[in-house]
Amino acid sequence: MGDDVEYIAKAFYALQDEARGWDREPERLKEAFRRDARTAIAMVDAEIKARRQASTRSSV
């Protein structure tokens, strides 16, 4: 999941108007974007799990 976090963090960062380049940013800023990426991944995973459970219940 580490590569996914980094990829998504960089994508979130790139959306910023003042983005200067990921490699040029301080680690504390990168970590904030990584935290947001982890949160987004967890939310998507939870949604997928909920949909699977709903699908399983409706097919029984």
PDB file of N, CA and C in Angstrom:
ATOM      1  N   MET A   1       0.808  -1.184   0.000  1.00  0.00           N
ATOM      2  CA  MET A   1       0.000   0.000   0.000  1.00  0.00           C
ATOM      3  C   MET A   1       0.860   1.262   0.000  1.00  0.00           C
ATOM      4  N   GLY A   2       2.116   1.178   0.363  1.00  0.00           N
ATOM      5  CA  GLY A   2       2.991   2.337   0.412  1.00  0.00           C
ATOM      6  C   GLY A   2       3.095   3.069  -0.906  1.00  0.00           C
ATOM      7  N   ASP A   3       3.233   2.322  -1.990  1.00  0.00           N
ATOM      8  CA  ASP A   3       3.307   2.956  -3.304  1.00  0.00           C
ATOM      9  C   ASP A   3       1.995   3.646  -3.653  1.00  0.00           C
ATOM     10  N   ASP A   4       0.871   3.022  -3.296  1.00  0.00           N
ATOM     11  CA  ASP A   4      -0.431   3.631  -3.554  1.00  0.00           C
ATOM     12  C   ASP A   4      -0.565   4.943  -2.786  1.00  0.00           C
ATOM     13  N   VAL A   5      -0.147   4.949  -1.537  1.00  0.00           N
ATOM     14  CA  VAL A   5      -0.215   6.157  -0.713  1.00  0.00           C
ATOM     15  C   VAL A   5       0.611   7.262  -1.357  1.00  0.00           C
ATOM     16  N   GLU A   6       1.810   6.947  -1.754  1.00  0.00           N
ATOM     17  CA  GLU A   6       2.694   7.954  -2.345  1.00  0.00           C
ATOM     18  C   GLU A   6       2.114   8.486  -3.657  1.00  0.00           C
ATOM     19  N   TYR A   7       1.587   7.598  -4.474  1.00  0.00           N
ATOM     20  CA  TYR A   7       1.006   8.002  -5.750  1.00  0.00           C
ATOM     21  C   TYR A   7      -0.180   8.942  -5.540  1.00  0.00           C
ATOM     22  N   ILE A   8      -1.053   8.594  -4.627  1.00  0.00           N
ATOM     23  CA  ILE A   8      -2.231   9.418  -4.366  1.00  0.00           C
ATOM     24  C   ILE A   8      -1.838  10.728  -3.692  1.00  0.00           C
ATOM     25  N   ALA A   9      -0.879  10.679  -2.782  1.00  0.00           N
ATOM     26  CA  ALA A   9      -0.397  11.904  -2.135  1.00  0.00           C
ATOM     27  C   ALA A   9       0.152  12.880  -3.178  1.00  0.00           C
ATOM     28  N   LYS A  10       0.925  12.368  -4.108  1.00  0.00           N
ATOM     29  CA  LYS A  10       1.469  13.224  -5.168  1.00  0.00           C
ATOM     30  C   LYS A  10       0.355  13.795  -6.044  1.00  0.00           C
ATOM     31  N   ALA A  11      -0.667  13.000  -6.301  1.00  0.00           N
ATOM     32  CA  ALA A  11      -1.792  13.482  -7.108  1.00  0.00           C
ATOM     33  C   ALA A  11      -2.536  14.598  -6.374  1.00  0.00           C
ATOM     34  N   PHE A  12      -2.776  14.426  -5.076  1.00  0.00           N
ATOM     35  CA  PHE A  12      -3.420  15.475  -4.284  1.00  0.00           C
ATOM     36  C   PHE A  12      -2.564  16.737  -4.296  1.00  0.00           C
ATOM     37  N   TYR A  13      -1.266  16.554  -4.116  1.00  0.00           N
ATOM     38  CA  TYR A  13      -0.340  17.689  -4.109  1.00  0.00           C
ATOM     39  C   TYR A  13      -0.391  18.443  -5.439  1.00  0.00           C
ATOM     40  N   ALA A  14      -0.421  17.714  -6.527  1.00  0.00           N
ATOM     41  CA  ALA A  14      -0.399  18.328  -7.860  1.00  0.00           C
ATOM     42  C   ALA A  14      -1.628  19.199  -8.109  1.00  0.00           C
ATOM     43  N   LEU A  15      -2.701  18.970  -7.375  1.00  0.00           N
ATOM     44  CA  LEU A  15      -3.915  19.774  -7.529  1.00  0.00           C
ATOM     45  C   LEU A  15      -3.770  21.172  -6.927  1.00  0.00           C
ATOM     46  N   GLN A  16      -2.746  21.382  -6.138  1.00  0.00           N
ATOM     47  CA  GLN A  16      -2.546  22.666  -5.474  1.00  0.00           C
ATOM     48  C   GLN A  16      -2.031  23.708  -6.462  1.00  0.00           C
ATOM     49  N   ASP A  17      -2.588  24.898  -6.398  1.00  0.00           N
ATOM     50  CA  ASP A  17      -2.153  25.978  -7.290  1.00  0.00           C
ATOM     51  C   ASP A  17      -0.696  26.361  -7.065  1.00  0.00           C
ATOM     52  N   GLU A  18      -0.257  26.261  -5.833  1.00  0.00           N
ATOM     53  CA  GLU A  18       1.102  26.692  -5.500  1.00  0.00           C
ATOM     54  C   GLU A  18       2.121  25.543  -5.497  1.00  0.00           C
ATOM     55  N   ALA A  19       1.784  24.435  -6.118  1.00  0.00           N
ATOM     56  CA  ALA A  19       2.692  23.276  -6.164  1.00  0.00           C
ATOM     57  C   ALA A  19       3.990  23.658  -6.875  1.00  0.00           C
ATOM     58  N   ARG A  20       5.111  23.420  -6.195  1.00  0.00           N
ATOM     59  CA  ARG A  20       6.419  23.765  -6.752  1.00  0.00           C
ATOM     60  C   ARG A  20       7.151  22.539  -7.260  1.00  0.00           C
ATOM     61  N   GLY A  21       6.686  21.402  -6.912  1.00  0.00           N
ATOM     62  CA  GLY A  21       7.372  20.162  -7.253  1.00  0.00           C
ATOM     63  C   GLY A  21       7.518  19.313  -6.003  1.00  0.00           C
ATOM     64  N   TRP A  22       7.002  18.109  -6.062  1.00  0.00           N
ATOM     65  CA  TRP A  22       6.987  17.208  -4.913  1.00  0.00           C
ATOM     66  C   TRP A  22       8.366  17.066  -4.275  1.00  0.00           C
ATOM     67  N   ASP A  23       9.369  16.888  -5.090  1.00  0.00           N
ATOM     68  CA  ASP A  23      10.727  16.661  -4.570  1.00  0.00           C
ATOM     69  C   ASP A  23      11.304  17.884  -3.872  1.00  0.00           C
ATOM     70  N   ARG A  24      10.757  19.026  -4.127  1.00  0.00           N
ATOM     71  CA  ARG A  24      11.269  20.265  -3.521  1.00  0.00           C
ATOM     72  C   ARG A  24      10.579  20.612  -2.209  1.00  0.00           C
ATOM     73  N   GLU A  25       9.523  19.897  -1.868  1.00  0.00           N
ATOM     74  CA  GLU A  25       8.737  20.231  -0.683  1.00  0.00           C
ATOM     75  C   GLU A  25       9.334  19.593   0.577  1.00  0.00           C
ATOM     76  N   PRO A  26       9.115  20.243   1.727  1.00  0.00           N
ATOM     77  CA  PRO A  26       9.602  19.666   2.984  1.00  0.00           C
ATOM     78  C   PRO A  26       8.827  18.391   3.345  1.00  0.00           C
ATOM     79  N   GLU A  27       9.484  17.546   4.075  1.00  0.00           N
ATOM     80  CA  GLU A  27       8.909  16.256   4.455  1.00  0.00           C
ATOM     81  C   GLU A  27       7.614  16.427   5.242  1.00  0.00           C
ATOM     82  N   ARG A  28       7.508  17.436   6.083  1.00  0.00           N
ATOM     83  CA  ARG A  28       6.285  17.644   6.878  1.00  0.00           C
ATOM     84  C   ARG A  28       5.081  17.911   5.983  1.00  0.00           C
ATOM     85  N   LEU A  29       5.289  18.624   4.875  1.00  0.00           N
ATOM     86  CA  LEU A  29       4.191  18.869   3.945  1.00  0.00           C
ATOM     87  C   LEU A  29       3.820  17.587   3.201  1.00  0.00           C
ATOM     88  N   LYS A  30       4.821  16.843   2.769  1.00  0.00           N
ATOM     89  CA  LYS A  30       4.562  15.573   2.091  1.00  0.00           C
ATOM     90  C   LYS A  30       3.783  14.633   3.006  1.00  0.00           C
ATOM     91  N   GLU A  31       4.153  14.614   4.273  1.00  0.00           N
ATOM     92  CA  GLU A  31       3.481  13.715   5.220  1.00  0.00           C
ATOM     93  C   GLU A  31       2.014  14.085   5.386  1.00  0.00           C
ATOM     94  N   ALA A  32       1.694  15.359   5.327  1.00  0.00           N
ATOM     95  CA  ALA A  32       0.287  15.776   5.412  1.00  0.00           C
ATOM     96  C   ALA A  32      -0.497  15.231   4.218  1.00  0.00           C
ATOM     97  N   PHE A  33       0.085  15.273   3.039  1.00  0.00           N
ATOM     98  CA  PHE A  33      -0.586  14.724   1.860  1.00  0.00           C
ATOM     99  C   PHE A  33      -0.670  13.204   1.941  1.00  0.00           C
ATOM    100  N   ARG A  34       0.346  12.566   2.497  1.00  0.00           N
ATOM    101  CA  ARG A  34       0.293  11.105   2.682  1.00  0.00           C
ATOM    102  C   ARG A  34      -0.821  10.730   3.651  1.00  0.00           C
ATOM    103  N   ARG A  35      -0.993  11.518   4.694  1.00  0.00           N
ATOM    104  CA  ARG A  35      -2.062  11.265   5.661  1.00  0.00           C
ATOM    105  C   ARG A  35      -3.420  11.370   4.963  1.00  0.00           C
ATOM    106  N   ASP A  36      -3.584  12.393   4.145  1.00  0.00           N
ATOM    107  CA  ASP A  36      -4.834  12.538   3.385  1.00  0.00           C
ATOM    108  C   ASP A  36      -5.031  11.361   2.439  1.00  0.00           C
ATOM    109  N   ALA A  37      -3.958  10.904   1.819  1.00  0.00           N
ATOM    110  CA  ALA A  37      -4.045   9.759   0.904  1.00  0.00           C
ATOM    111  C   ALA A  37      -4.470   8.501   1.658  1.00  0.00           C
ATOM    112  N   ARG A  38      -3.896   8.271   2.826  1.00  0.00           N
ATOM    113  CA  ARG A  38      -4.280   7.103   3.634  1.00  0.00           C
ATOM    114  C   ARG A  38      -5.757   7.174   4.016  1.00  0.00           C
ATOM    115  N   THR A  39      -6.217   8.353   4.374  1.00  0.00           N
ATOM    116  CA  THR A  39      -7.627   8.539   4.727  1.00  0.00           C
ATOM    117  C   THR A  39      -8.517   8.235   3.528  1.00  0.00           C
ATOM    118  N   ALA A  40      -8.145   8.744   2.368  1.00  0.00           N
ATOM    119  CA  ALA A  40      -8.941   8.496   1.155  1.00  0.00           C
ATOM    120  C   ALA A  40      -8.988   7.011   0.823  1.00  0.00           C
ATOM    121  N   ILE A  41      -7.862   6.344   0.924  1.00  0.00           N
ATOM    122  CA  ILE A  41      -7.808   4.902   0.642  1.00  0.00           C
ATOM    123  C   ILE A  41      -8.702   4.145   1.625  1.00  0.00           C
ATOM    124  N   ALA A  42      -8.636   4.507   2.895  1.00  0.00           N
ATOM    125  CA  ALA A  42      -9.467   3.836   3.906  1.00  0.00           C
ATOM    126  C   ALA A  42     -10.947   4.057   3.629  1.00  0.00           C
ATOM    127  N   MET A  43     -11.308   5.251   3.196  1.00  0.00           N
ATOM    128  CA  MET A  43     -12.710   5.533   2.891  1.00  0.00           C
ATOM    129  C   MET A  43     -13.191   4.728   1.687  1.00  0.00           C
ATOM    130  N   VAL A  44     -12.367   4.632   0.674  1.00  0.00           N
ATOM    131  CA  VAL A  44     -12.730   3.844  -0.509  1.00  0.00           C
ATOM    132  C   VAL A  44     -12.840   2.369  -0.135  1.00  0.00           C
ATOM    133  N   ASP A  45     -11.878   1.881   0.638  1.00  0.00           N
ATOM    134  CA  ASP A  45     -11.921   0.477   1.073  1.00  0.00           C
ATOM    135  C   ASP A  45     -13.192   0.184   1.871  1.00  0.00           C
ATOM    136  N   ALA A  46     -13.571   1.114   2.757  1.00  0.00           N
ATOM    137  CA  ALA A  46     -14.782   0.925   3.560  1.00  0.00           C
ATOM    138  C   ALA A  46     -16.025   0.903   2.665  1.00  0.00           C
ATOM    139  N   GLU A  47     -16.060   1.742   1.669  1.00  0.00           N
ATOM    140  CA  GLU A  47     -17.198   1.773   0.749  1.00  0.00           C
ATOM    141  C   GLU A  47     -17.287   0.479  -0.048  1.00  0.00           C
ATOM    142  N   ILE A  48     -16.164  -0.005  -0.520  1.00  0.00           N
ATOM    143  CA  ILE A  48     -16.144  -1.271  -1.267  1.00  0.00           C
ATOM    144  C   ILE A  48     -16.633  -2.412  -0.377  1.00  0.00           C
ATOM    145  N   LYS A  49     -16.146  -2.448   0.853  1.00  0.00           N
ATOM    146  CA  LYS A  49     -16.563  -3.494   1.787  1.00  0.00           C
ATOM    147  C   LYS A  49     -18.062  -3.423   2.054  1.00  0.00           C
ATOM    148  N   ALA A  50     -18.576  -2.218   2.247  1.00  0.00           N
ATOM    149  CA  ALA A  50     -20.016  -2.052   2.509  1.00  0.00           C
ATOM    150  C   ALA A  50     -20.844  -2.504   1.309  1.00  0.00           C
ATOM    151  N   ARG A  51     -20.396  -2.181   0.118  1.00  0.00           N
ATOM    152  CA  ARG A  51     -21.132  -2.597  -1.081  1.00  0.00           C
ATOM    153  C   ARG A  51     -21.106  -4.114  -1.254  1.00  0.00           C
ATOM    154  N   ARG A  52     -19.976  -4.713  -0.948  1.00  0.00           N
ATOM    155  CA  ARG A  52     -19.891  -6.176  -1.033  1.00  0.00           C
ATOM    156  C   ARG A  52     -20.817  -6.835  -0.038  1.00  0.00           C
ATOM    157  N   GLN A  53     -20.853  -6.307   1.176  1.00  0.00           N
ATOM    158  CA  GLN A  53     -21.731  -6.869   2.195  1.00  0.00           C
ATOM    159  C   GLN A  53     -23.192  -6.698   1.797  1.00  0.00           C
ATOM    160  N   ALA A  54     -23.537  -5.543   1.252  1.00  0.00           N
ATOM    161  CA  ALA A  54     -24.912  -5.308   0.818  1.00  0.00           C
ATOM    162  C   ALA A  54     -25.273  -6.246  -0.331  1.00  0.00           C
ATOM    163  N   SER A  55     -24.330  -6.467  -1.212  1.00  0.00           N
ATOM    164  CA  SER A  55     -24.565  -7.362  -2.356  1.00  0.00           C
ATOM    165  C   SER A  55     -24.755  -8.798  -1.875  1.00  0.00           C
ATOM    166  N   THR A  56     -23.963  -9.191  -0.902  1.00  0.00           N
ATOM    167  CA  THR A  56     -24.066 -10.545  -0.356  1.00  0.00           C
ATOM    168  C   THR A  56     -25.418 -10.738   0.343  1.00  0.00           C
ATOM    169  N   ARG A  57     -25.842  -9.740   1.102  1.00  0.00           N
ATOM    170  CA  ARG A  57     -27.133  -9.835   1.796  1.00  0.00           C
ATOM    171  C   ARG A  57     -28.296  -9.880   0.821  1.00  0.00           C
ATOM    172  N   SER A  58     -28.212  -9.114  -0.253  1.00  0.00           N
ATOM    173  CA  SER A  58     -29.334  -9.063  -1.185  1.00  0.00           C
ATOM    174  C   SER A  58     -29.419 -10.297  -2.080  1.00  0.00           C
ATOM    175  N   SER A  59     -28.325 -11.041  -2.188  1.00  0.00           N
ATOM    176  CA  SER A  59     -28.359 -12.226  -3.039  1.00  0.00           C
ATOM    177  C   SER A  59     -28.688 -13.493  -2.254  1.00  0.00           C
ATOM    178  N   VAL A  60     -28.854 -13.372  -0.946  1.00  0.00           N
ATOM    179  CA  VAL A  60     -29.167 -14.545  -0.117  1.00  0.00           C
ATOM    180  C   VAL A  60     -30.644 -14.719   0.022  1.00  0.00           C
TER     181      VAL A  60
END
